[in-house]
N, C-alpha and C. Protein backbone atom coordinates (compact mmCIF):
# COMPACT_ATOMS: atom_id res chain seq x y z
N MET A 1 103.94 34.26 213.72
CA MET A 1 103.80 34.25 215.15
C MET A 1 102.70 33.28 215.59
N LYS A 2 101.59 33.27 214.82
CA LYS A 2 100.49 32.36 215.17
C LYS A 2 100.96 30.91 215.12
N LYS A 3 101.81 30.60 214.14
CA LYS A 3 102.32 29.23 214.03
C LYS A 3 103.17 28.87 215.25
N LEU A 4 103.96 29.83 215.75
CA LEU A 4 104.81 29.59 216.92
C LEU A 4 103.98 29.24 218.13
N VAL A 5 102.90 29.99 218.37
CA VAL A 5 102.06 29.71 219.53
C VAL A 5 101.36 28.37 219.38
N ILE A 6 100.87 28.06 218.20
CA ILE A 6 100.23 26.76 217.96
C ILE A 6 101.22 25.63 218.19
N ILE A 7 102.46 25.81 217.74
CA ILE A 7 103.49 24.79 217.95
C ILE A 7 103.79 24.63 219.44
N LEU A 8 103.90 25.77 220.18
CA LEU A 8 104.17 25.70 221.62
C LEU A 8 103.06 24.99 222.37
N ILE A 9 101.82 25.35 222.07
CA ILE A 9 100.68 24.72 222.75
C ILE A 9 100.58 23.25 222.36
N GLY A 10 100.77 22.96 221.08
CA GLY A 10 100.74 21.56 220.63
C GLY A 10 101.85 20.74 221.27
N GLY A 11 103.05 21.32 221.36
CA GLY A 11 104.17 20.63 222.00
C GLY A 11 103.91 20.35 223.46
N PHE A 12 103.24 21.28 224.13
CA PHE A 12 102.89 21.10 225.55
C PHE A 12 102.05 19.84 225.73
N PHE A 13 101.06 19.65 224.83
CA PHE A 13 100.20 18.49 224.97
C PHE A 13 100.87 17.20 224.50
N ILE A 14 101.70 17.28 223.47
CA ILE A 14 102.37 16.07 222.99
C ILE A 14 103.38 15.58 224.02
N ILE A 15 104.17 16.50 224.56
CA ILE A 15 105.17 16.12 225.56
C ILE A 15 104.50 15.64 226.83
N GLY A 16 103.39 16.29 227.20
CA GLY A 16 102.69 15.94 228.43
C GLY A 16 101.81 14.72 228.31
N SER A 17 101.70 14.16 227.13
CA SER A 17 100.84 13.00 226.93
C SER A 17 101.40 11.78 227.66
N THR A 18 100.51 11.00 228.27
CA THR A 18 100.97 9.82 229.01
C THR A 18 100.31 8.56 228.47
N ALA A 19 99.99 8.58 227.21
CA ALA A 19 99.38 7.39 226.63
C ALA A 19 100.36 6.23 226.69
N ASN A 20 99.88 5.07 227.07
CA ASN A 20 100.73 3.89 227.18
C ASN A 20 100.76 3.19 225.82
N VAL A 21 101.81 3.50 225.06
CA VAL A 21 101.97 2.92 223.73
C VAL A 21 102.40 1.46 223.88
N LYS A 22 101.96 0.61 222.94
CA LYS A 22 102.31 -0.81 222.99
C LYS A 22 103.82 -0.97 223.05
N GLY A 23 104.26 -1.73 223.99
CA GLY A 23 105.68 -1.97 224.16
C GLY A 23 106.33 -1.01 225.15
N GLN A 24 105.63 0.03 225.54
CA GLN A 24 106.19 1.00 226.51
C GLN A 24 106.00 0.46 227.91
N ASP A 25 107.01 0.60 228.72
CA ASP A 25 106.95 0.17 230.10
C ASP A 25 105.94 1.02 230.85
N ALA A 26 104.95 0.40 231.48
CA ALA A 26 103.90 1.13 232.20
C ALA A 26 104.46 1.96 233.33
N ASP A 27 105.63 1.62 233.87
CA ASP A 27 106.21 2.38 234.97
C ASP A 27 106.67 3.77 234.54
N THR A 28 106.92 3.99 233.23
CA THR A 28 107.41 5.28 232.79
C THR A 28 106.35 6.36 232.90
N VAL A 29 105.07 5.99 232.91
CA VAL A 29 104.02 7.00 232.97
C VAL A 29 103.70 7.43 234.40
N LYS A 30 104.20 6.73 235.39
CA LYS A 30 103.86 7.06 236.77
C LYS A 30 104.49 8.37 237.23
N TYR A 31 105.44 8.89 236.48
CA TYR A 31 106.10 10.13 236.86
C TYR A 31 105.28 11.37 236.49
N TRP A 32 104.27 11.19 235.66
CA TRP A 32 103.42 12.30 235.23
C TRP A 32 102.16 12.36 236.07
N LYS A 33 101.77 13.57 236.45
CA LYS A 33 100.47 13.80 237.09
C LYS A 33 99.75 14.83 236.25
N LYS A 34 98.61 14.42 235.72
CA LYS A 34 97.83 15.30 234.86
C LYS A 34 96.51 15.63 235.55
N GLY A 35 96.00 16.78 235.23
CA GLY A 35 94.71 17.16 235.79
C GLY A 35 94.08 18.25 234.95
N GLY A 36 92.83 18.50 235.22
CA GLY A 36 92.14 19.54 234.48
C GLY A 36 90.82 19.89 235.12
N VAL A 37 90.40 21.11 234.87
CA VAL A 37 89.12 21.61 235.34
C VAL A 37 88.45 22.31 234.16
N PHE A 38 87.19 22.01 233.96
CA PHE A 38 86.42 22.64 232.90
C PHE A 38 85.16 23.23 233.52
N SER A 39 84.84 24.45 233.17
CA SER A 39 83.66 25.11 233.72
C SER A 39 82.95 25.87 232.62
N LEU A 40 81.64 25.69 232.53
CA LEU A 40 80.80 26.44 231.61
C LEU A 40 79.66 27.02 232.43
N ASN A 41 79.60 28.34 232.50
CA ASN A 41 78.62 29.01 233.34
C ASN A 41 77.69 29.88 232.51
N MET A 42 76.44 29.92 232.91
CA MET A 42 75.47 30.79 232.29
C MET A 42 74.72 31.52 233.40
N ALA A 43 74.52 32.82 233.22
CA ALA A 43 73.78 33.61 234.21
C ALA A 43 72.78 34.50 233.48
N GLN A 44 71.62 34.66 234.09
CA GLN A 44 70.60 35.53 233.51
C GLN A 44 70.02 36.39 234.62
N SER A 45 69.85 37.68 234.31
CA SER A 45 69.20 38.60 235.24
C SER A 45 67.98 39.19 234.54
N SER A 46 66.86 39.17 235.23
CA SER A 46 65.64 39.73 234.66
C SER A 46 64.97 40.60 235.71
N PHE A 47 64.67 41.86 235.36
CA PHE A 47 64.06 42.80 236.27
C PHE A 47 62.71 43.25 235.70
N THR A 48 61.64 42.98 236.42
CA THR A 48 60.31 43.39 236.01
C THR A 48 59.66 44.12 237.18
N ASN A 49 59.23 45.35 236.94
CA ASN A 49 58.63 46.17 237.99
C ASN A 49 59.54 46.25 239.21
N TRP A 50 60.82 46.46 238.99
CA TRP A 50 61.80 46.51 240.07
C TRP A 50 62.19 47.97 240.29
N ALA A 51 61.80 48.53 241.43
CA ALA A 51 61.97 49.96 241.69
C ALA A 51 63.44 50.36 241.82
N ALA A 52 64.31 49.46 242.27
CA ALA A 52 65.72 49.81 242.51
C ALA A 52 66.53 49.91 241.23
N GLY A 53 65.97 49.52 240.10
CA GLY A 53 66.68 49.61 238.83
C GLY A 53 67.47 48.36 238.52
N GLY A 54 68.14 48.35 237.38
CA GLY A 54 68.91 47.21 236.92
C GLY A 54 68.64 46.97 235.45
N GLN A 55 69.44 46.13 234.84
CA GLN A 55 69.28 45.82 233.42
C GLN A 55 69.16 44.33 233.23
N ASN A 56 68.26 43.94 232.35
CA ASN A 56 68.16 42.52 231.99
C ASN A 56 69.43 42.14 231.24
N SER A 57 69.96 40.99 231.56
CA SER A 57 71.20 40.56 230.90
C SER A 57 71.30 39.04 230.90
N ILE A 58 72.16 38.56 230.00
CA ILE A 58 72.50 37.14 229.95
C ILE A 58 74.01 37.06 229.73
N ALA A 59 74.66 36.12 230.42
CA ALA A 59 76.11 35.99 230.33
C ALA A 59 76.50 34.52 230.20
N LEU A 60 77.52 34.27 229.40
CA LEU A 60 78.09 32.93 229.21
C LEU A 60 79.60 33.02 229.44
N ASN A 61 80.14 32.10 230.24
CA ASN A 61 81.57 32.06 230.52
C ASN A 61 82.07 30.62 230.47
N GLY A 62 83.21 30.42 229.85
CA GLY A 62 83.85 29.11 229.83
C GLY A 62 85.28 29.22 230.33
N LEU A 63 85.69 28.26 231.16
CA LEU A 63 87.04 28.22 231.70
C LEU A 63 87.61 26.82 231.56
N VAL A 64 88.87 26.72 231.20
CA VAL A 64 89.57 25.44 231.12
C VAL A 64 90.93 25.63 231.79
N ASN A 65 91.27 24.74 232.70
CA ASN A 65 92.58 24.75 233.35
C ASN A 65 93.14 23.34 233.24
N LEU A 66 94.27 23.19 232.55
CA LEU A 66 94.90 21.89 232.36
C LEU A 66 96.30 21.92 232.98
N SER A 67 96.71 20.79 233.53
CA SER A 67 98.06 20.71 234.08
C SER A 67 98.67 19.36 233.75
N ALA A 68 99.98 19.37 233.57
CA ALA A 68 100.76 18.15 233.36
C ALA A 68 102.10 18.36 234.06
N ASN A 69 102.32 17.63 235.15
CA ASN A 69 103.52 17.81 235.96
C ASN A 69 104.34 16.52 236.00
N PHE A 70 105.63 16.68 235.86
CA PHE A 70 106.56 15.55 235.79
C PHE A 70 107.53 15.63 236.97
N LYS A 71 107.76 14.51 237.62
CA LYS A 71 108.73 14.45 238.73
C LYS A 71 109.42 13.11 238.68
N LYS A 72 110.73 13.13 238.46
CA LYS A 72 111.52 11.90 238.45
C LYS A 72 112.92 12.24 238.93
N GLY A 73 113.36 11.57 239.96
CA GLY A 73 114.69 11.83 240.50
C GLY A 73 114.83 13.28 240.93
N LYS A 74 115.83 13.96 240.38
CA LYS A 74 116.05 15.36 240.73
C LYS A 74 115.40 16.33 239.75
N SER A 75 114.68 15.81 238.76
CA SER A 75 114.05 16.66 237.76
C SER A 75 112.59 16.90 238.08
N SER A 76 112.16 18.14 237.84
CA SER A 76 110.77 18.52 238.05
C SER A 76 110.35 19.43 236.91
N TRP A 77 109.17 19.16 236.31
CA TRP A 77 108.69 19.98 235.20
C TRP A 77 107.19 20.19 235.40
N ASP A 78 106.79 21.44 235.64
CA ASP A 78 105.39 21.78 235.89
C ASP A 78 104.86 22.59 234.72
N ASN A 79 103.67 22.21 234.22
CA ASN A 79 103.05 22.86 233.08
C ASN A 79 101.58 23.14 233.36
N THR A 80 101.11 24.34 233.01
CA THR A 80 99.69 24.65 233.11
C THR A 80 99.26 25.43 231.88
N LEU A 81 98.01 25.22 231.50
CA LEU A 81 97.39 25.97 230.41
C LEU A 81 96.04 26.44 230.91
N ASP A 82 95.84 27.76 230.94
CA ASP A 82 94.56 28.35 231.35
C ASP A 82 93.93 29.03 230.15
N LEU A 83 92.68 28.68 229.89
CA LEU A 83 91.91 29.30 228.82
C LEU A 83 90.62 29.83 229.42
N GLY A 84 90.22 31.02 229.02
CA GLY A 84 88.97 31.57 229.51
C GLY A 84 88.34 32.45 228.45
N TYR A 85 87.01 32.36 228.33
CA TYR A 85 86.31 33.20 227.37
C TYR A 85 84.89 33.43 227.88
N GLY A 86 84.43 34.68 227.81
CA GLY A 86 83.09 35.00 228.27
C GLY A 86 82.48 36.14 227.50
N LYS A 87 81.15 36.10 227.38
CA LYS A 87 80.41 37.17 226.71
C LYS A 87 79.14 37.46 227.48
N MET A 88 78.66 38.71 227.33
CA MET A 88 77.46 39.14 228.01
C MET A 88 76.65 40.03 227.08
N GLN A 89 75.32 39.94 227.20
CA GLN A 89 74.44 40.82 226.44
C GLN A 89 73.44 41.46 227.39
N GLN A 90 73.34 42.81 227.31
CA GLN A 90 72.37 43.54 228.10
C GLN A 90 71.26 44.04 227.20
N LYS A 91 70.08 44.14 227.78
CA LYS A 91 68.91 44.55 226.98
C LYS A 91 69.05 45.97 226.47
N THR A 92 69.57 46.87 227.32
CA THR A 92 69.71 48.26 226.90
C THR A 92 71.12 48.51 226.36
N GLY A 93 71.27 49.55 225.58
CA GLY A 93 72.57 49.92 225.05
C GLY A 93 72.77 49.52 223.60
N GLY A 94 72.13 48.45 223.16
CA GLY A 94 72.21 48.02 221.78
C GLY A 94 73.58 47.56 221.33
N LEU A 95 74.44 47.13 222.25
CA LEU A 95 75.79 46.70 221.87
C LEU A 95 75.85 45.24 221.43
N GLY A 96 74.80 44.48 221.69
CA GLY A 96 74.86 43.05 221.39
C GLY A 96 75.72 42.34 222.42
N TRP A 97 76.40 41.30 221.97
CA TRP A 97 77.25 40.52 222.88
C TRP A 97 78.58 41.24 223.10
N VAL A 98 78.95 41.43 224.36
CA VAL A 98 80.17 42.13 224.75
C VAL A 98 81.08 41.14 225.45
N LYS A 99 82.37 41.17 225.10
CA LYS A 99 83.34 40.26 225.70
C LYS A 99 83.60 40.65 227.15
N THR A 100 83.56 39.67 228.06
CA THR A 100 83.82 39.91 229.47
C THR A 100 85.08 39.20 229.97
N ASP A 101 85.53 38.19 229.27
CA ASP A 101 86.74 37.45 229.66
C ASP A 101 87.36 36.87 228.41
N ASP A 102 88.69 36.87 228.35
CA ASP A 102 89.39 36.33 227.19
C ASP A 102 90.85 36.14 227.56
N LYS A 103 91.30 34.89 227.69
CA LYS A 103 92.71 34.68 228.02
C LYS A 103 93.22 33.34 227.53
N ILE A 104 94.48 33.36 227.15
CA ILE A 104 95.28 32.17 226.90
C ILE A 104 96.54 32.37 227.74
N ASP A 105 96.81 31.46 228.66
CA ASP A 105 97.95 31.61 229.56
C ASP A 105 98.65 30.25 229.70
N LEU A 106 99.82 30.14 229.11
CA LEU A 106 100.62 28.91 229.15
C LEU A 106 101.83 29.14 230.03
N LEU A 107 102.06 28.27 231.00
CA LEU A 107 103.19 28.39 231.92
C LEU A 107 103.92 27.05 231.97
N SER A 108 105.24 27.09 231.82
CA SER A 108 106.05 25.88 231.90
C SER A 108 107.29 26.20 232.74
N LYS A 109 107.56 25.36 233.74
CA LYS A 109 108.69 25.60 234.64
C LYS A 109 109.45 24.29 234.84
N TYR A 110 110.74 24.30 234.50
CA TYR A 110 111.59 23.12 234.66
C TYR A 110 112.61 23.39 235.76
N GLY A 111 112.82 22.41 236.63
CA GLY A 111 113.78 22.57 237.71
C GLY A 111 114.63 21.34 237.93
N GLN A 112 115.86 21.58 238.38
CA GLN A 112 116.80 20.53 238.76
C GLN A 112 117.11 20.72 240.23
N GLN A 113 116.89 19.69 241.04
CA GLN A 113 117.00 19.80 242.49
C GLN A 113 118.41 20.18 242.92
N ALA A 114 118.49 21.21 243.80
CA ALA A 114 119.76 21.67 244.35
C ALA A 114 119.93 21.20 245.79
N SER A 115 118.82 21.17 246.54
CA SER A 115 118.82 20.69 247.91
C SER A 115 117.42 20.13 248.19
N GLU A 116 117.12 19.86 249.44
CA GLU A 116 115.86 19.19 249.75
C GLU A 116 114.64 19.91 249.18
N PHE A 117 114.57 21.24 249.33
CA PHE A 117 113.40 21.99 248.89
C PHE A 117 113.69 23.00 247.79
N TRP A 118 114.93 23.14 247.36
CA TRP A 118 115.30 24.16 246.37
C TRP A 118 115.68 23.52 245.03
N TYR A 119 115.27 24.20 243.95
CA TYR A 119 115.54 23.75 242.59
C TYR A 119 116.12 24.90 241.77
N TYR A 120 117.17 24.60 240.98
CA TYR A 120 117.60 25.54 239.95
C TYR A 120 116.53 25.45 238.87
N SER A 121 115.94 26.60 238.49
CA SER A 121 114.77 26.53 237.61
C SER A 121 114.82 27.54 236.48
N VAL A 122 114.11 27.18 235.42
CA VAL A 122 113.86 28.08 234.30
C VAL A 122 112.35 28.08 234.06
N LEU A 123 111.80 29.27 233.79
CA LEU A 123 110.36 29.42 233.63
C LEU A 123 110.06 30.09 232.31
N PHE A 124 109.02 29.61 231.62
CA PHE A 124 108.51 30.22 230.39
C PHE A 124 107.03 30.48 230.57
N ASN A 125 106.58 31.69 230.22
CA ASN A 125 105.17 32.04 230.33
C ASN A 125 104.77 32.78 229.06
N PHE A 126 103.61 32.39 228.50
CA PHE A 126 103.07 33.04 227.30
C PHE A 126 101.62 33.40 227.56
N LYS A 127 101.26 34.67 227.29
CA LYS A 127 99.89 35.14 227.50
C LYS A 127 99.41 35.92 226.29
N THR A 128 98.17 35.68 225.91
CA THR A 128 97.51 36.48 224.88
C THR A 128 96.01 36.30 225.04
N GLN A 129 95.26 36.67 224.01
CA GLN A 129 93.82 36.54 224.03
C GLN A 129 93.35 35.92 222.73
N MET A 130 92.06 35.55 222.67
CA MET A 130 91.54 34.84 221.50
C MET A 130 90.87 35.73 220.46
N ALA A 131 90.22 36.80 220.89
CA ALA A 131 89.37 37.58 219.98
C ALA A 131 89.59 39.08 220.17
N PRO A 132 89.14 39.88 219.19
CA PRO A 132 89.30 41.33 219.31
C PRO A 132 88.55 41.90 220.52
N ALA A 133 89.07 43.02 221.05
CA ALA A 133 88.40 43.74 222.14
C ALA A 133 88.22 45.19 221.71
N TYR A 134 87.20 45.81 222.25
CA TYR A 134 86.84 47.18 221.89
C TYR A 134 86.64 48.01 223.15
N ASN A 135 86.76 49.34 223.00
CA ASN A 135 86.48 50.25 224.08
C ASN A 135 85.01 50.66 223.95
N TYR A 136 84.13 49.85 224.53
CA TYR A 136 82.70 50.05 224.36
C TYR A 136 82.28 51.42 224.89
N PRO A 137 81.35 52.10 224.23
CA PRO A 137 80.43 51.63 223.19
C PRO A 137 81.00 51.63 221.77
N ASN A 138 82.25 52.05 221.57
CA ASN A 138 82.87 52.01 220.25
C ASN A 138 83.14 50.55 219.88
N THR A 139 82.49 50.05 218.83
CA THR A 139 82.67 48.66 218.40
C THR A 139 83.34 48.55 217.03
N THR A 140 83.97 49.64 216.59
CA THR A 140 84.63 49.59 215.29
C THR A 140 86.16 49.62 215.40
N ASP A 141 86.69 50.29 216.41
CA ASP A 141 88.15 50.40 216.56
C ASP A 141 88.64 49.41 217.61
N ARG A 142 89.45 48.43 217.16
CA ARG A 142 90.01 47.44 218.08
C ARG A 142 91.03 48.08 219.02
N ILE A 143 91.00 47.65 220.30
CA ILE A 143 92.04 48.08 221.22
C ILE A 143 93.00 46.93 221.53
N SER A 144 92.61 45.68 221.16
CA SER A 144 93.49 44.52 221.30
C SER A 144 92.90 43.39 220.46
N ASP A 145 93.72 42.36 220.23
CA ASP A 145 93.30 41.24 219.39
C ASP A 145 94.22 40.05 219.67
N LEU A 146 94.01 38.94 218.96
CA LEU A 146 94.87 37.76 219.09
C LEU A 146 96.32 38.16 218.79
N PHE A 147 97.24 37.88 219.68
CA PHE A 147 98.66 38.23 219.58
C PHE A 147 98.89 39.75 219.55
N SER A 148 97.92 40.51 219.99
CA SER A 148 98.05 41.96 220.04
C SER A 148 97.36 42.47 221.30
N PRO A 149 97.95 42.38 222.44
CA PRO A 149 99.33 41.99 222.65
C PRO A 149 99.47 40.50 222.97
N ALA A 150 100.70 40.05 222.93
CA ALA A 150 101.10 38.74 223.46
C ALA A 150 102.35 39.00 224.29
N TYR A 151 102.43 38.36 225.42
CA TYR A 151 103.56 38.56 226.32
C TYR A 151 104.30 37.24 226.50
N MET A 152 105.62 37.26 226.30
CA MET A 152 106.47 36.10 226.56
C MET A 152 107.44 36.47 227.66
N LEU A 153 107.57 35.56 228.62
CA LEU A 153 108.44 35.79 229.77
C LEU A 153 109.37 34.59 229.93
N PHE A 154 110.67 34.86 230.02
CA PHE A 154 111.67 33.83 230.30
C PHE A 154 112.38 34.23 231.59
N SER A 155 112.49 33.30 232.54
CA SER A 155 113.12 33.60 233.83
C SER A 155 114.04 32.47 234.25
N LEU A 156 115.16 32.85 234.86
CA LEU A 156 116.08 31.90 235.50
C LEU A 156 116.12 32.23 236.98
N GLY A 157 116.09 31.20 237.81
CA GLY A 157 116.13 31.47 239.23
C GLY A 157 116.08 30.20 240.06
N MET A 158 115.58 30.36 241.27
CA MET A 158 115.46 29.25 242.23
C MET A 158 114.00 29.07 242.59
N ASP A 159 113.59 27.83 242.69
CA ASP A 159 112.21 27.48 243.03
C ASP A 159 112.22 26.79 244.39
N TYR A 160 111.44 27.32 245.32
CA TYR A 160 111.32 26.73 246.66
C TYR A 160 110.04 25.90 246.69
N LYS A 161 110.18 24.58 246.87
CA LYS A 161 109.04 23.66 246.85
C LYS A 161 109.06 22.80 248.12
N PRO A 162 108.49 23.30 249.22
CA PRO A 162 108.48 22.51 250.45
C PRO A 162 107.42 21.42 250.46
N SER A 163 106.43 21.51 249.54
CA SER A 163 105.38 20.50 249.46
C SER A 163 104.86 20.44 248.03
N PRO A 164 104.11 19.40 247.68
CA PRO A 164 103.59 19.29 246.31
C PRO A 164 102.56 20.36 245.96
N VAL A 165 102.02 21.07 246.95
CA VAL A 165 100.98 22.06 246.66
C VAL A 165 101.44 23.50 246.82
N PHE A 166 102.73 23.72 247.11
CA PHE A 166 103.23 25.09 247.26
C PHE A 166 104.56 25.23 246.55
N SER A 167 104.72 26.38 245.86
CA SER A 167 105.96 26.68 245.17
C SER A 167 106.17 28.19 245.17
N ALA A 168 107.39 28.63 245.44
CA ALA A 168 107.73 30.05 245.37
C ALA A 168 108.95 30.19 244.46
N PHE A 169 108.78 30.90 243.35
CA PHE A 169 109.83 31.04 242.35
C PHE A 169 110.51 32.40 242.51
N LEU A 170 111.82 32.40 242.75
CA LEU A 170 112.60 33.62 242.91
C LEU A 170 113.53 33.77 241.71
N SER A 171 113.39 34.89 240.98
CA SER A 171 114.13 35.03 239.73
C SER A 171 114.87 36.36 239.66
N PRO A 172 116.20 36.34 239.71
CA PRO A 172 116.97 37.58 239.53
C PRO A 172 117.16 37.93 238.05
N LEU A 173 116.96 36.96 237.15
CA LEU A 173 117.14 37.18 235.71
C LEU A 173 115.84 36.90 234.97
N THR A 174 115.27 37.94 234.36
CA THR A 174 114.00 37.79 233.65
C THR A 174 114.03 38.61 232.37
N LEU A 175 113.49 38.04 231.30
CA LEU A 175 113.34 38.72 230.02
C LEU A 175 111.87 38.69 229.65
N LYS A 176 111.29 39.86 229.41
CA LYS A 176 109.89 39.95 229.00
C LYS A 176 109.82 40.59 227.63
N THR A 177 109.06 39.96 226.73
CA THR A 177 108.89 40.45 225.38
C THR A 177 107.42 40.71 225.13
N THR A 178 107.11 41.87 224.55
CA THR A 178 105.74 42.21 224.19
C THR A 178 105.61 42.17 222.68
N ILE A 179 104.63 41.43 222.19
CA ILE A 179 104.39 41.30 220.76
C ILE A 179 103.06 41.95 220.44
N VAL A 180 103.04 42.81 219.41
CA VAL A 180 101.80 43.40 218.91
C VAL A 180 101.75 43.06 217.43
N ASN A 181 101.00 42.03 217.09
CA ASN A 181 100.97 41.50 215.73
C ASN A 181 100.07 42.31 214.80
N ASP A 182 99.15 43.10 215.33
CA ASP A 182 98.23 43.92 214.54
C ASP A 182 98.95 45.20 214.12
N ASP A 183 99.09 45.42 212.80
CA ASP A 183 99.83 46.58 212.30
C ASP A 183 99.24 47.91 212.77
N LEU A 184 97.92 48.02 212.82
CA LEU A 184 97.28 49.26 213.25
C LEU A 184 97.66 49.59 214.69
N LEU A 185 97.65 48.58 215.57
CA LEU A 185 98.00 48.81 216.97
C LEU A 185 99.50 49.02 217.16
N SER A 186 100.33 48.26 216.44
CA SER A 186 101.79 48.43 216.61
C SER A 186 102.26 49.75 216.04
N ASP A 187 101.65 50.22 214.93
CA ASP A 187 102.02 51.52 214.37
C ASP A 187 101.66 52.66 215.31
N ALA A 188 100.64 52.44 216.16
CA ALA A 188 100.24 53.46 217.14
C ALA A 188 101.07 53.38 218.41
N GLY A 189 101.96 52.39 218.51
CA GLY A 189 102.79 52.24 219.70
C GLY A 189 102.02 51.67 220.88
N ALA A 190 100.95 50.93 220.61
CA ALA A 190 100.13 50.37 221.67
C ALA A 190 100.94 49.38 222.52
N PHE A 191 100.62 49.30 223.80
CA PHE A 191 101.22 48.37 224.76
C PHE A 191 102.72 48.58 224.95
N GLY A 192 103.19 49.81 224.63
CA GLY A 192 104.57 50.16 224.91
C GLY A 192 105.59 49.73 223.87
N VAL A 193 105.12 49.24 222.70
CA VAL A 193 106.10 48.85 221.66
C VAL A 193 106.49 50.07 220.84
N GLU A 194 107.64 49.99 220.18
CA GLU A 194 108.07 51.07 219.30
C GLU A 194 107.14 51.11 218.10
N PRO A 195 106.60 52.30 217.75
CA PRO A 195 105.72 52.38 216.56
C PRO A 195 106.42 51.92 215.30
């Protein structure tokens, strides 16, 4: 399963690449629009002689949002990858660093134009997390982990795109699959899977 996700994410970047290879017509890359946002945040709280209470803490969060969108003729292909990870440590409690955010979210939507603003579309979405999670203060029993769970969604429908910045996807046919790769969690029937 891990290989499948790595292949999907790798394929997203290879297909979305717009490098101008020698001999390639420069006009072929104009159909791709790529973008990205990267954020690394740090926060610290310190309370000294503070009557209202509070806990000293430090937090680190990282976010990455990448997009690669293709538009040529009647074809439209929108791709996004969202990654987020964060940890926090409080002075009291003795838990050390506690996870506050953890996500991998890949979305790919392909459409073929049906009319001015409507597209026949298919959508694929994959979500999971990067690291184990615990029900604090218990730090020995995992409640989730990489690919435990992982959610895959396949949808067929119509996409309404009246402008480049707005899209509404209507899907009467959807298949959702839940994967629990951790034997301990899947044997317990976690996340609604059959034990």
